[in-house]
Amino acid sequence: MKIKLKTPNLKKKINFHDYFKDQGLKNLTKQKNILKDININQLPEDLDFILPTELNKLYFLEKLIVLNKRINVLEFGSGSSTVIFSHSLNKNKLRYHQIVKKKY
């Protein structure tokens, strides 16, 4: 069985900060206590920091889920991508709940 997967068009210019704020995910765009250009093998001892969020990658993940009408995702972790997956799946649930309801 061959699976066709639609990929998001990332050629158009998008202000990711504004996009996520409009989606109600403004917490992802906060830049508090961020250490940039850190080597994961050289973490500070206090660990009171946040690694920088790559909004372009989160945007790609969100669009990938929505474009392909996914209703479930298997993910390992508990970071920003978890929030994006949850948000995207809820979007799909609202859009396609009648279809999903009939099939399952």
PDB file of N, CA and C in Angstrom:
ATOM      1  N   MET A   1       0.842  -1.175   0.000  1.00  0.00           N
ATOM      2  CA  MET A   1       0.000   0.000   0.000  1.00  0.00           C
ATOM      3  C   MET A   1       0.886   1.235   0.000  1.00  0.00           C
ATOM      4  N   LYS A   2       0.624   2.109  -0.922  1.00  0.00           N
ATOM      5  CA  LYS A   2       1.412   3.328  -1.034  1.00  0.00           C
ATOM      6  C   LYS A   2       0.667   4.481  -0.363  1.00  0.00           C
ATOM      7  N   ILE A   3       1.358   5.212   0.468  1.00  0.00           N
ATOM      8  CA  ILE A   3       0.760   6.334   1.178  1.00  0.00           C
ATOM      9  C   ILE A   3       1.168   7.630   0.491  1.00  0.00           C
ATOM     10  N   LYS A   4       0.168   8.434   0.148  1.00  0.00           N
ATOM     11  CA  LYS A   4       0.449   9.744  -0.435  1.00  0.00           C
ATOM     12  C   LYS A   4       0.404  10.772   0.684  1.00  0.00           C
ATOM     13  N   LEU A   5       1.469  11.506   0.817  1.00  0.00           N
ATOM     14  CA  LEU A   5       1.582  12.498   1.875  1.00  0.00           C
ATOM     15  C   LEU A   5       1.736  13.876   1.260  1.00  0.00           C
ATOM     16  N   LYS A   6       0.848  14.780   1.616  1.00  0.00           N
ATOM     17  CA  LYS A   6       0.946  16.157   1.137  1.00  0.00           C
ATOM     18  C   LYS A   6       1.950  16.898   2.016  1.00  0.00           C
ATOM     19  N   THR A   7       2.809  17.690   1.383  1.00  0.00           N
ATOM     20  CA  THR A   7       3.761  18.483   2.153  1.00  0.00           C
ATOM     21  C   THR A   7       3.411  19.958   2.042  1.00  0.00           C
ATOM     22  N   PRO A   8       3.588  20.692   3.123  1.00  0.00           N
ATOM     23  CA  PRO A   8       3.262  22.116   3.118  1.00  0.00           C
ATOM     24  C   PRO A   8       4.155  22.906   2.163  1.00  0.00           C
ATOM     25  N   ASN A   9       3.581  23.931   1.547  1.00  0.00           N
ATOM     26  CA  ASN A   9       4.337  24.834   0.696  1.00  0.00           C
ATOM     27  C   ASN A   9       4.989  25.888   1.589  1.00  0.00           C
ATOM     28  N   LEU A  10       6.283  25.838   1.695  1.00  0.00           N
ATOM     29  CA  LEU A  10       6.998  26.780   2.564  1.00  0.00           C
ATOM     30  C   LEU A  10       7.691  27.882   1.773  1.00  0.00           C
ATOM     31  N   LYS A  11       7.335  28.036   0.508  1.00  0.00           N
ATOM     32  CA  LYS A  11       7.987  29.043  -0.328  1.00  0.00           C
ATOM     33  C   LYS A  11       7.492  30.451  -0.047  1.00  0.00           C
ATOM     34  N   LYS A  12       6.240  30.583   0.384  1.00  0.00           N
ATOM     35  CA  LYS A  12       5.742  31.924   0.653  1.00  0.00           C
ATOM     36  C   LYS A  12       6.257  32.420   2.004  1.00  0.00           C
ATOM     37  N   LYS A  13       6.484  33.714   2.076  1.00  0.00           N
ATOM     38  CA  LYS A  13       7.013  34.330   3.303  1.00  0.00           C
ATOM     39  C   LYS A  13       5.903  34.403   4.352  1.00  0.00           C
ATOM     40  N   ILE A  14       6.226  33.922   5.541  1.00  0.00           N
ATOM     41  CA  ILE A  14       5.264  33.912   6.643  1.00  0.00           C
ATOM     42  C   ILE A  14       5.938  34.456   7.892  1.00  0.00           C
ATOM     43  N   ASN A  15       5.235  35.317   8.586  1.00  0.00           N
ATOM     44  CA  ASN A  15       5.710  35.780   9.885  1.00  0.00           C
ATOM     45  C   ASN A  15       5.210  34.759  10.915  1.00  0.00           C
ATOM     46  N   PHE A  16       6.120  33.879  11.329  1.00  0.00           N
ATOM     47  CA  PHE A  16       5.734  32.770  12.209  1.00  0.00           C
ATOM     48  C   PHE A  16       5.238  33.255  13.566  1.00  0.00           C
ATOM     49  N   HIS A  17       5.817  34.328  14.080  1.00  0.00           N
ATOM     50  CA  HIS A  17       5.364  34.871  15.372  1.00  0.00           C
ATOM     51  C   HIS A  17       3.890  35.275  15.281  1.00  0.00           C
ATOM     52  N   ASP A  18       3.548  36.015  14.231  1.00  0.00           N
ATOM     53  CA  ASP A  18       2.159  36.451  14.059  1.00  0.00           C
ATOM     54  C   ASP A  18       1.229  35.267  13.818  1.00  0.00           C
ATOM     55  N   TYR A  19       1.680  34.305  13.029  1.00  0.00           N
ATOM     56  CA  TYR A  19       0.857  33.141  12.733  1.00  0.00           C
ATOM     57  C   TYR A  19       0.481  32.401  14.015  1.00  0.00           C
ATOM     58  N   PHE A  20       1.467  32.116  14.875  1.00  0.00           N
ATOM     59  CA  PHE A  20       1.185  31.359  16.089  1.00  0.00           C
ATOM     60  C   PHE A  20       0.387  32.186  17.099  1.00  0.00           C
ATOM     61  N   LYS A  21       0.594  33.496  17.111  1.00  0.00           N
ATOM     62  CA  LYS A  21      -0.236  34.342  17.968  1.00  0.00           C
ATOM     63  C   LYS A  21      -1.684  34.302  17.508  1.00  0.00           C
ATOM     64  N   ASP A  22      -1.901  34.353  16.192  1.00  0.00           N
ATOM     65  CA  ASP A  22      -3.265  34.273  15.644  1.00  0.00           C
ATOM     66  C   ASP A  22      -3.923  32.929  15.932  1.00  0.00           C
ATOM     67  N   GLN A  23      -3.133  31.895  16.039  1.00  0.00           N
ATOM     68  CA  GLN A  23      -3.644  30.553  16.329  1.00  0.00           C
ATOM     69  C   GLN A  23      -3.891  30.331  17.822  1.00  0.00           C
ATOM     70  N   GLY A  24      -3.566  31.340  18.645  1.00  0.00           N
ATOM     71  CA  GLY A  24      -3.741  31.216  20.087  1.00  0.00           C
ATOM     72  C   GLY A  24      -2.583  30.507  20.770  1.00  0.00           C
ATOM     73  N   LEU A  25      -1.435  30.469  20.107  1.00  0.00           N
ATOM     74  CA  LEU A  25      -0.253  29.791  20.652  1.00  0.00           C
ATOM     75  C   LEU A  25       0.888  30.770  20.882  1.00  0.00           C
ATOM     76  N   LYS A  26       0.558  31.936  21.457  1.00  0.00           N
ATOM     77  CA  LYS A  26       1.580  32.969  21.628  1.00  0.00           C
ATOM     78  C   LYS A  26       2.679  32.571  22.608  1.00  0.00           C
ATOM     79  N   ASN A  27       2.414  31.614  23.491  1.00  0.00           N
ATOM     80  CA  ASN A  27       3.457  31.175  24.425  1.00  0.00           C
ATOM     81  C   ASN A  27       4.646  30.531  23.717  1.00  0.00           C
ATOM     82  N   LEU A  28       4.409  29.981  22.528  1.00  0.00           N
ATOM     83  CA  LEU A  28       5.503  29.377  21.766  1.00  0.00           C
ATOM     84  C   LEU A  28       6.483  30.421  21.249  1.00  0.00           C
ATOM     85  N   THR A  29       6.027  31.659  21.142  1.00  0.00           N
ATOM     86  CA  THR A  29       6.864  32.704  20.549  1.00  0.00           C
ATOM     87  C   THR A  29       7.655  33.501  21.585  1.00  0.00           C
ATOM     88  N   LYS A  30       7.459  33.204  22.860  1.00  0.00           N
ATOM     89  CA  LYS A  30       8.180  33.940  23.901  1.00  0.00           C
ATOM     90  C   LYS A  30       9.670  33.655  23.825  1.00  0.00           C
ATOM     91  N   GLN A  31      10.461  34.667  24.064  1.00  0.00           N
ATOM     92  CA  GLN A  31      11.913  34.546  23.958  1.00  0.00           C
ATOM     93  C   GLN A  31      12.587  34.752  25.323  1.00  0.00           C
ATOM     94  N   LYS A  32      11.997  34.244  26.378  1.00  0.00           N
ATOM     95  CA  LYS A  32      12.508  34.442  27.732  1.00  0.00           C
ATOM     96  C   LYS A  32      13.564  33.389  28.082  1.00  0.00           C
ATOM     97  N   ASN A  33      14.659  33.814  28.633  1.00  0.00           N
ATOM     98  CA  ASN A  33      15.727  32.931  29.115  1.00  0.00           C
ATOM     99  C   ASN A  33      16.226  31.943  28.063  1.00  0.00           C
ATOM    100  N   ILE A  34      16.394  32.408  26.857  1.00  0.00           N
ATOM    101  CA  ILE A  34      16.836  31.522  25.785  1.00  0.00           C
ATOM    102  C   ILE A  34      18.344  31.596  25.613  1.00  0.00           C
ATOM    103  N   LEU A  35      18.956  30.461  25.550  1.00  0.00           N
ATOM    104  CA  LEU A  35      20.377  30.371  25.240  1.00  0.00           C
ATOM    105  C   LEU A  35      20.503  29.955  23.786  1.00  0.00           C
ATOM    106  N   LYS A  36      21.112  30.794  22.996  1.00  0.00           N
ATOM    107  CA  LYS A  36      21.283  30.475  21.581  1.00  0.00           C
ATOM    108  C   LYS A  36      22.670  29.907  21.348  1.00  0.00           C
ATOM    109  N   ASP A  37      22.788  29.136  20.293  1.00  0.00           N
ATOM    110  CA  ASP A  37      24.064  28.543  19.896  1.00  0.00           C
ATOM    111  C   ASP A  37      24.687  27.732  21.035  1.00  0.00           C
ATOM    112  N   ILE A  38      23.873  26.928  21.681  1.00  0.00           N
ATOM    113  CA  ILE A  38      24.379  26.105  22.773  1.00  0.00           C
ATOM    114  C   ILE A  38      24.639  24.694  22.251  1.00  0.00           C
ATOM    115  N   ASN A  39      25.717  24.136  22.682  1.00  0.00           N
ATOM    116  CA  ASN A  39      26.027  22.745  22.361  1.00  0.00           C
ATOM    117  C   ASN A  39      25.361  21.892  23.423  1.00  0.00           C
ATOM    118  N   ILE A  40      24.613  20.906  23.016  1.00  0.00           N
ATOM    119  CA  ILE A  40      23.846  20.090  23.962  1.00  0.00           C
ATOM    120  C   ILE A  40      24.754  19.374  24.965  1.00  0.00           C
ATOM    121  N   ASN A  41      26.022  19.186  24.614  1.00  0.00           N
ATOM    122  CA  ASN A  41      26.965  18.550  25.533  1.00  0.00           C
ATOM    123  C   ASN A  41      27.547  19.525  26.549  1.00  0.00           C
ATOM    124  N   GLN A  42      27.212  20.803  26.418  1.00  0.00           N
ATOM    125  CA  GLN A  42      27.751  21.813  27.317  1.00  0.00           C
ATOM    126  C   GLN A  42      26.630  22.590  27.997  1.00  0.00           C
ATOM    127  N   LEU A  43      25.653  21.886  28.533  1.00  0.00           N
ATOM    128  CA  LEU A  43      24.536  22.546  29.189  1.00  0.00           C
ATOM    129  C   LEU A  43      24.979  23.182  30.495  1.00  0.00           C
ATOM    130  N   PRO A  44      24.422  24.341  30.849  1.00  0.00           N
ATOM    131  CA  PRO A  44      24.753  24.962  32.138  1.00  0.00           C
ATOM    132  C   PRO A  44      24.228  24.114  33.290  1.00  0.00           C
ATOM    133  N   GLU A  45      24.831  24.290  34.447  1.00  0.00           N
ATOM    134  CA  GLU A  45      24.476  23.460  35.588  1.00  0.00           C
ATOM    135  C   GLU A  45      23.089  23.748  36.142  1.00  0.00           C
ATOM    136  N   ASP A  46      22.627  25.008  36.095  1.00  0.00           N
ATOM    137  CA  ASP A  46      21.343  25.336  36.704  1.00  0.00           C
ATOM    138  C   ASP A  46      20.135  24.910  35.853  1.00  0.00           C
ATOM    139  N   LEU A  47      20.323  24.764  34.561  1.00  0.00           N
ATOM    140  CA  LEU A  47      19.278  24.340  33.626  1.00  0.00           C
ATOM    141  C   LEU A  47      18.017  25.204  33.695  1.00  0.00           C
ATOM    142  N   ASP A  48      18.158  26.470  34.099  1.00  0.00           N
ATOM    143  CA  ASP A  48      17.028  27.392  34.146  1.00  0.00           C
ATOM    144  C   ASP A  48      16.996  28.196  32.846  1.00  0.00           C
ATOM    145  N   PHE A  49      16.737  27.504  31.750  1.00  0.00           N
ATOM    146  CA  PHE A  49      16.724  28.148  30.444  1.00  0.00           C
ATOM    147  C   PHE A  49      15.814  27.367  29.509  1.00  0.00           C
ATOM    148  N   ILE A  50      15.574  27.929  28.366  1.00  0.00           N
ATOM    149  CA  ILE A  50      14.765  27.279  27.345  1.00  0.00           C
ATOM    150  C   ILE A  50      15.593  27.238  26.068  1.00  0.00           C
ATOM    151  N   LEU A  51      15.612  26.095  25.414  1.00  0.00           N
ATOM    152  CA  LEU A  51      16.266  26.036  24.109  1.00  0.00           C
ATOM    153  C   LEU A  51      15.416  26.811  23.116  1.00  0.00           C
ATOM    154  N   PRO A  52      16.006  27.440  22.135  1.00  0.00           N
ATOM    155  CA  PRO A  52      15.224  28.255  21.195  1.00  0.00           C
ATOM    156  C   PRO A  52      14.215  27.417  20.408  1.00  0.00           C
ATOM    157  N   THR A  53      13.021  27.948  20.283  1.00  0.00           N
ATOM    158  CA  THR A  53      11.970  27.281  19.525  1.00  0.00           C
ATOM    159  C   THR A  53      12.146  27.619  18.055  1.00  0.00           C
ATOM    160  N   GLU A  54      12.152  26.613  17.224  1.00  0.00           N
ATOM    161  CA  GLU A  54      12.280  26.825  15.788  1.00  0.00           C
ATOM    162  C   GLU A  54      10.878  26.865  15.199  1.00  0.00           C
ATOM    163  N   LEU A  55      10.329  28.083  15.092  1.00  0.00           N
ATOM    164  CA  LEU A  55       8.952  28.262  14.679  1.00  0.00           C
ATOM    165  C   LEU A  55       8.687  27.757  13.269  1.00  0.00           C
ATOM    166  N   ASN A  56       9.676  27.848  12.393  1.00  0.00           N
ATOM    167  CA  ASN A  56       9.475  27.360  11.028  1.00  0.00           C
ATOM    168  C   ASN A  56       9.241  25.847  11.007  1.00  0.00           C
ATOM    169  N   LYS A  57       9.915  25.123  11.870  1.00  0.00           N
ATOM    170  CA  LYS A  57       9.720  23.675  11.936  1.00  0.00           C
ATOM    171  C   LYS A  57       8.377  23.323  12.572  1.00  0.00           C
ATOM    172  N   LEU A  58       7.984  24.094  13.579  1.00  0.00           N
ATOM    173  CA  LEU A  58       6.682  23.869  14.200  1.00  0.00           C
ATOM    174  C   LEU A  58       5.551  24.172  13.211  1.00  0.00           C
ATOM    175  N   TYR A  59       5.736  25.209  12.414  1.00  0.00           N
ATOM    176  CA  TYR A  59       4.764  25.555  11.378  1.00  0.00           C
ATOM    177  C   TYR A  59       4.640  24.398  10.380  1.00  0.00           C
ATOM    178  N   PHE A  60       5.772  23.857   9.970  1.00  0.00           N
ATOM    179  CA  PHE A  60       5.774  22.732   9.038  1.00  0.00           C
ATOM    180  C   PHE A  60       5.002  21.545   9.622  1.00  0.00           C
ATOM    181  N   LEU A  61       5.251  21.224  10.879  1.00  0.00           N
ATOM    182  CA  LEU A  61       4.555  20.105  11.524  1.00  0.00           C
ATOM    183  C   LEU A  61       3.045  20.346  11.594  1.00  0.00           C
ATOM    184  N   GLU A  62       2.674  21.568  11.952  1.00  0.00           N
ATOM    185  CA  GLU A  62       1.254  21.906  12.064  1.00  0.00           C
ATOM    186  C   GLU A  62       0.567  21.762  10.717  1.00  0.00           C
ATOM    187  N   LYS A  63       1.176  22.294   9.674  1.00  0.00           N
ATOM    188  CA  LYS A  63       0.593  22.218   8.332  1.00  0.00           C
ATOM    189  C   LYS A  63       0.573  20.777   7.813  1.00  0.00           C
ATOM    190  N   LEU A  64       1.576  20.009   8.139  1.00  0.00           N
ATOM    191  CA  LEU A  64       1.641  18.613   7.715  1.00  0.00           C
ATOM    192  C   LEU A  64       0.457  17.823   8.281  1.00  0.00           C
ATOM    193  N   ILE A  65       0.147  18.026   9.537  1.00  0.00           N
ATOM    194  CA  ILE A  65      -0.970  17.333  10.184  1.00  0.00           C
ATOM    195  C   ILE A  65      -2.305  17.785   9.594  1.00  0.00           C
ATOM    196  N   VAL A  66      -2.470  19.097   9.432  1.00  0.00           N
ATOM    197  CA  VAL A  66      -3.738  19.642   8.945  1.00  0.00           C
ATOM    198  C   VAL A  66      -3.965  19.280   7.477  1.00  0.00           C
ATOM    199  N   LEU A  67      -2.947  19.433   6.641  1.00  0.00           N
ATOM    200  CA  LEU A  67      -3.087  19.132   5.209  1.00  0.00           C
ATOM    201  C   LEU A  67      -3.440  17.668   4.950  1.00  0.00           C
ATOM    202  N   ASN A  68      -2.891  16.795   5.759  1.00  0.00           N
ATOM    203  CA  ASN A  68      -3.113  15.363   5.555  1.00  0.00           C
ATOM    204  C   ASN A  68      -4.258  14.807   6.390  1.00  0.00           C
ATOM    205  N   LYS A  69      -4.983  15.707   7.048  1.00  0.00           N
ATOM    206  CA  LYS A  69      -6.204  15.345   7.797  1.00  0.00           C
ATOM    207  C   LYS A  69      -5.966  14.207   8.789  1.00  0.00           C
ATOM    208  N   ARG A  70      -4.859  14.285   9.507  1.00  0.00           N
ATOM    209  CA  ARG A  70      -4.527  13.256  10.500  1.00  0.00           C
ATOM    210  C   ARG A  70      -5.446  13.370  11.700  1.00  0.00           C
ATOM    211  N   ILE A  71      -5.814  12.236  12.276  1.00  0.00           N
ATOM    212  CA  ILE A  71      -6.626  12.234  13.490  1.00  0.00           C
ATOM    213  C   ILE A  71      -5.874  11.652  14.680  1.00  0.00           C
ATOM    214  N   ASN A  72      -4.659  11.148  14.420  1.00  0.00           N
ATOM    215  CA  ASN A  72      -3.814  10.679  15.523  1.00  0.00           C
ATOM    216  C   ASN A  72      -2.341  10.814  15.143  1.00  0.00           C
ATOM    217  N   VAL A  73      -1.520  10.930  16.164  1.00  0.00           N
ATOM    218  CA  VAL A  73      -0.077  11.114  15.996  1.00  0.00           C
ATOM    219  C   VAL A  73       0.619  10.344  17.101  1.00  0.00           C
ATOM    220  N   LEU A  74       1.690   9.681  16.763  1.00  0.00           N
ATOM    221  CA  LEU A  74       2.529   9.047  17.772  1.00  0.00           C
ATOM    222  C   LEU A  74       3.765   9.910  17.934  1.00  0.00           C
ATOM    223  N   GLU A  75       3.942  10.445  19.118  1.00  0.00           N
ATOM    224  CA  GLU A  75       5.054  11.356  19.347  1.00  0.00           C
ATOM    225  C   GLU A  75       5.741  11.022  20.656  1.00  0.00           C
ATOM    226  N   PHE A  76       7.047  11.187  20.686  1.00  0.00           N
ATOM    227  CA  PHE A  76       7.826  10.991  21.900  1.00  0.00           C
ATOM    228  C   PHE A  76       8.392  12.335  22.306  1.00  0.00           C
ATOM    229  N   GLY A  77       8.120  12.743  23.513  1.00  0.00           N
ATOM    230  CA  GLY A  77       8.636  14.019  23.994  1.00  0.00           C
ATOM    231  C   GLY A  77       7.533  14.802  24.679  1.00  0.00           C
ATOM    232  N   SER A  78       7.913  15.966  25.147  1.00  0.00           N
ATOM    233  CA  SER A  78       6.935  16.817  25.828  1.00  0.00           C
ATOM    234  C   SER A  78       7.308  18.279  25.661  1.00  0.00           C
ATOM    235  N   GLY A  79       7.652  18.640  24.460  1.00  0.00           N
ATOM    236  CA  GLY A  79       8.071  20.013  24.197  1.00  0.00           C
ATOM    237  C   GLY A  79       7.064  20.762  23.357  1.00  0.00           C
ATOM    238  N   SER A  80       7.561  21.705  22.598  1.00  0.00           N
ATOM    239  CA  SER A  80       6.708  22.547  21.772  1.00  0.00           C
ATOM    240  C   SER A  80       5.993  21.756  20.690  1.00  0.00           C
ATOM    241  N   SER A  81       6.622  20.731  20.174  1.00  0.00           N
ATOM    242  CA  SER A  81       5.966  19.932  19.127  1.00  0.00           C
ATOM    243  C   SER A  81       4.725  19.233  19.668  1.00  0.00           C
ATOM    244  N   THR A  82       4.726  18.866  20.936  1.00  0.00           N
ATOM    245  CA  THR A  82       3.557  18.254  21.549  1.00  0.00           C
ATOM    246  C   THR A  82       2.375  19.216  21.528  1.00  0.00           C
ATOM    247  N   VAL A  83       2.642  20.473  21.826  1.00  0.00           N
ATOM    248  CA  VAL A  83       1.600  21.504  21.795  1.00  0.00           C
ATOM    249  C   VAL A  83       1.066  21.659  20.376  1.00  0.00           C
ATOM    250  N   ILE A  84       1.961  21.681  19.398  1.00  0.00           N
ATOM    251  CA  ILE A  84       1.568  21.824  17.995  1.00  0.00           C
ATOM    252  C   ILE A  84       0.738  20.632  17.547  1.00  0.00           C
ATOM    253  N   PHE A  85       1.161  19.431  17.890  1.00  0.00           N
ATOM    254  CA  PHE A  85       0.398  18.250  17.496  1.00  0.00           C
ATOM    255  C   PHE A  85      -0.998  18.276  18.115  1.00  0.00           C
ATOM    256  N   SER A  86      -1.083  18.615  19.367  1.00  0.00           N
ATOM    257  CA  SER A  86      -2.379  18.683  20.039  1.00  0.00           C
ATOM    258  C   SER A  86      -3.279  19.726  19.377  1.00  0.00           C
ATOM    259  N   HIS A  87      -2.725  20.888  19.107  1.00  0.00           N
ATOM    260  CA  HIS A  87      -3.473  21.970  18.462  1.00  0.00           C
ATOM    261  C   HIS A  87      -3.959  21.542  17.072  1.00  0.00           C
ATOM    262  N   SER A  88      -3.090  20.930  16.295  1.00  0.00           N
ATOM    263  CA  SER A  88      -3.424  20.505  14.929  1.00  0.00           C
ATOM    264  C   SER A  88      -4.483  19.408  14.925  1.00  0.00           C
ATOM    265  N   LEU A  89      -4.343  18.455  15.829  1.00  0.00           N
ATOM    266  CA  LEU A  89      -5.322  17.372  15.910  1.00  0.00           C
ATOM    267  C   LEU A  89      -6.690  17.896  16.344  1.00  0.00           C
ATOM    268  N   ASN A  90      -6.696  18.870  17.238  1.00  0.00           N
ATOM    269  CA  ASN A  90      -7.969  19.481  17.641  1.00  0.00           C
ATOM    270  C   ASN A  90      -8.610  20.234  16.486  1.00  0.00           C
ATOM    271  N   LYS A  91      -7.793  20.902  15.678  1.00  0.00           N
ATOM    272  CA  LYS A  91      -8.306  21.576  14.477  1.00  0.00           C
ATOM    273  C   LYS A  91      -8.991  20.568  13.565  1.00  0.00           C
ATOM    274  N   ASN A  92      -8.315  19.467  13.317  1.00  0.00           N
ATOM    275  CA  ASN A  92      -8.873  18.435  12.441  1.00  0.00           C
ATOM    276  C   ASN A  92     -10.126  17.811  13.040  1.00  0.00           C
ATOM    277  N   LYS A  93     -10.123  17.634  14.342  1.00  0.00           N
ATOM    278  CA  LYS A  93     -11.296  17.062  15.007  1.00  0.00           C
ATOM    279  C   LYS A  93     -12.514  17.960  14.802  1.00  0.00           C
ATOM    280  N   LEU A  94     -12.319  19.266  14.924  1.00  0.00           N
ATOM    281  CA  LEU A  94     -13.426  20.202  14.724  1.00  0.00           C
ATOM    282  C   LEU A  94     -13.887  20.230  13.267  1.00  0.00           C
ATOM    283  N   ARG A  95     -12.948  20.163  12.354  1.00  0.00           N
ATOM    284  CA  ARG A  95     -13.286  20.229  10.927  1.00  0.00           C
ATOM    285  C   ARG A  95     -13.933  18.950  10.408  1.00  0.00           C
ATOM    286  N   TYR A  96     -13.447  17.811  10.886  1.00  0.00           N
ATOM    287  CA  TYR A  96     -13.841  16.531  10.286  1.00  0.00           C
ATOM    288  C   TYR A  96     -14.548  15.592  11.256  1.00  0.00           C
ATOM    289  N   HIS A  97     -15.134  16.132  12.314  1.00  0.00           N
ATOM    290  CA  HIS A  97     -15.705  15.258  13.335  1.00  0.00           C
ATOM    291  C   HIS A  97     -16.838  14.389  12.795  1.00  0.00           C
ATOM    292  N   GLN A  98     -17.615  14.863  11.839  1.00  0.00           N
ATOM    293  CA  GLN A  98     -18.702  14.051  11.292  1.00  0.00           C
ATOM    294  C   GLN A  98     -18.164  12.850  10.508  1.00  0.00           C
ATOM    295  N   ILE A  99     -17.091  13.073   9.748  1.00  0.00           N
ATOM    296  CA  ILE A  99     -16.478  11.987   8.963  1.00  0.00           C
ATOM    297  C   ILE A  99     -15.863  10.948   9.894  1.00  0.00           C
ATOM    298  N   VAL A 100     -15.125  11.422  10.886  1.00  0.00           N
ATOM    299  CA  VAL A 100     -14.461  10.530  11.836  1.00  0.00           C
ATOM    300  C   VAL A 100     -15.505   9.763  12.636  1.00  0.00           C
ATOM    301  N   LYS A 101     -16.562  10.427  13.013  1.00  0.00           N
ATOM    302  CA  LYS A 101     -17.628   9.811  13.795  1.00  0.00           C
ATOM    303  C   LYS A 101     -18.250   8.630  13.036  1.00  0.00           C
ATOM    304  N   LYS A 102     -18.438   8.799  11.728  1.00  0.00           N
ATOM    305  CA  LYS A 102     -19.033   7.746  10.917  1.00  0.00           C
ATOM    306  C   LYS A 102     -18.103   6.537  10.763  1.00  0.00           C
ATOM    307  N   LYS A 103     -16.820   6.806  10.603  1.00  0.00           N
ATOM    308  CA  LYS A 103     -15.863   5.730  10.346  1.00  0.00           C
ATOM    309  C   LYS A 103     -15.483   4.977  11.609  1.00  0.00           C
ATOM    310  N   TYR A 104     -15.479   5.673  12.751  1.00  0.00           N
ATOM    311  CA  TYR A 104     -14.997   5.030  13.979  1.00  0.00           C
ATOM    312  C   TYR A 104     -16.118   4.989  14.977  1.00  0.00           C
TER     313      TYR A 104
END
